[in-house]
Amino acid sequence: MTHISANDLKTRGVAAIEASLAEHPEAIVSVRGKDRYVVMDISHYHYLRECELAAALAESRADLAAGRYVEESAEEHVARLGG
């Protein structure tokens, strides 16, 4: 993953991001020498979101298969949560 300094962003703007993303899917933006942000192409972001949702679905299916769930009404749910 490449690094872009905040100063480079200030002077070069989006061109600095485009240059970094031409070679890597993500780039770290550092502010005063510390890594603070990550920028990426929107298609890569959508891909990562799909992976995240697929992992959550797999986890939910595993919980259902293992019996790790509770059947209850909305009122019972709120009461269980302490509301």
Protein backbone atom coordinates (compact mmCIF):
# COMPACT_ATOMS: atom_id res chain seq x y z
CA MET A 1 0.00 0.00 0.00
CA THR A 2 1.37 3.40 -0.91
CA HIS A 3 1.49 6.50 1.25
CA ILE A 4 0.36 10.02 0.39
CA SER A 5 1.21 12.88 2.71
CA ALA A 6 -1.41 15.48 3.53
CA ASN A 7 0.97 18.08 2.15
CA ASP A 8 1.17 16.18 -1.15
CA LEU A 9 -2.62 16.13 -1.25
CA LYS A 10 -2.69 19.85 -0.61
CA THR A 11 -0.28 20.63 -3.43
CA ARG A 12 -1.24 17.97 -6.01
CA GLY A 13 -4.87 17.29 -5.07
CA VAL A 14 -6.67 14.39 -6.67
CA ALA A 15 -3.73 13.79 -8.99
CA ALA A 16 -1.77 12.45 -5.99
CA ILE A 17 -4.55 9.98 -5.24
CA GLU A 18 -4.91 8.93 -8.87
CA ALA A 19 -1.17 8.31 -9.19
CA SER A 20 -1.12 6.13 -6.06
CA LEU A 21 -4.23 4.17 -7.05
CA ALA A 22 -2.85 3.51 -10.54
CA GLU A 23 -0.44 1.01 -8.96
CA HIS A 24 -2.24 -0.12 -5.78
CA PRO A 25 -5.89 -0.66 -4.79
CA GLU A 26 -5.53 1.48 -1.63
CA ALA A 27 -3.39 4.36 -0.40
CA ILE A 28 -2.74 5.59 3.13
CA VAL A 29 -2.94 9.33 3.76
CA SER A 30 -0.59 10.48 6.50
CA VAL A 31 -1.00 13.69 8.46
CA ARG A 32 2.06 15.03 10.26
CA GLY A 33 3.80 11.70 9.75
CA LYS A 34 0.98 9.56 11.19
CA ASP A 35 -1.26 7.29 9.13
CA ARG A 36 -4.79 8.71 9.36
CA TYR A 37 -6.92 7.75 6.35
CA VAL A 38 -7.22 5.22 3.55
CA VAL A 39 -8.41 6.12 0.07
CA MET A 40 -9.46 3.66 -2.61
CA ASP A 41 -11.27 3.42 -5.89
CA ILE A 42 -15.04 3.19 -5.43
CA SER A 43 -15.19 -0.20 -7.16
CA HIS A 44 -12.68 -1.58 -4.64
CA TYR A 45 -14.76 -0.11 -1.80
CA HIS A 46 -17.90 -1.82 -3.14
CA TYR A 47 -15.99 -5.10 -3.40
CA LEU A 48 -14.88 -4.83 0.25
CA ARG A 49 -18.45 -4.04 1.35
CA GLU A 50 -19.71 -7.13 -0.47
CA CYS A 51 -17.06 -9.22 1.32
CA GLU A 52 -18.11 -7.75 4.65
CA LEU A 53 -21.78 -8.51 3.99
CA ALA A 54 -20.97 -12.06 2.84
CA ALA A 55 -18.99 -12.65 6.05
CA ALA A 56 -21.88 -11.34 8.17
CA LEU A 57 -24.32 -13.61 6.34
CA ALA A 58 -22.05 -16.63 6.84
CA GLU A 59 -21.76 -15.80 10.55
CA SER A 60 -25.54 -15.50 10.87
CA ARG A 61 -26.09 -18.82 9.09
CA ALA A 62 -23.56 -20.50 11.39
CA ASP A 63 -25.33 -19.06 14.45
CA LEU A 64 -28.68 -20.37 13.18
CA ALA A 65 -27.24 -23.81 12.46
CA ALA A 66 -25.68 -23.96 15.94
CA GLY A 67 -28.85 -22.78 17.66
CA ARG A 68 -27.32 -19.51 18.86
CA TYR A 69 -30.44 -17.37 18.57
CA VAL A 70 -33.49 -16.33 20.58
CA GLU A 71 -37.10 -16.29 19.43
CA GLU A 72 -39.06 -13.54 21.19
CA SER A 73 -41.48 -10.69 20.66
CA ALA A 74 -40.34 -7.10 20.20
CA GLU A 75 -41.43 -6.31 23.76
CA GLU A 76 -39.49 -9.27 25.15
CA HIS A 77 -36.45 -8.22 23.16
CA VAL A 78 -36.55 -4.66 24.52
CA ALA A 79 -37.01 -5.97 28.06
CA ARG A 80 -34.06 -8.36 27.64
CA LEU A 81 -31.90 -5.46 26.49
CA GLY A 82 -32.86 -3.53 29.60
CA GLY A 83 -35.05 -0.96 27.87
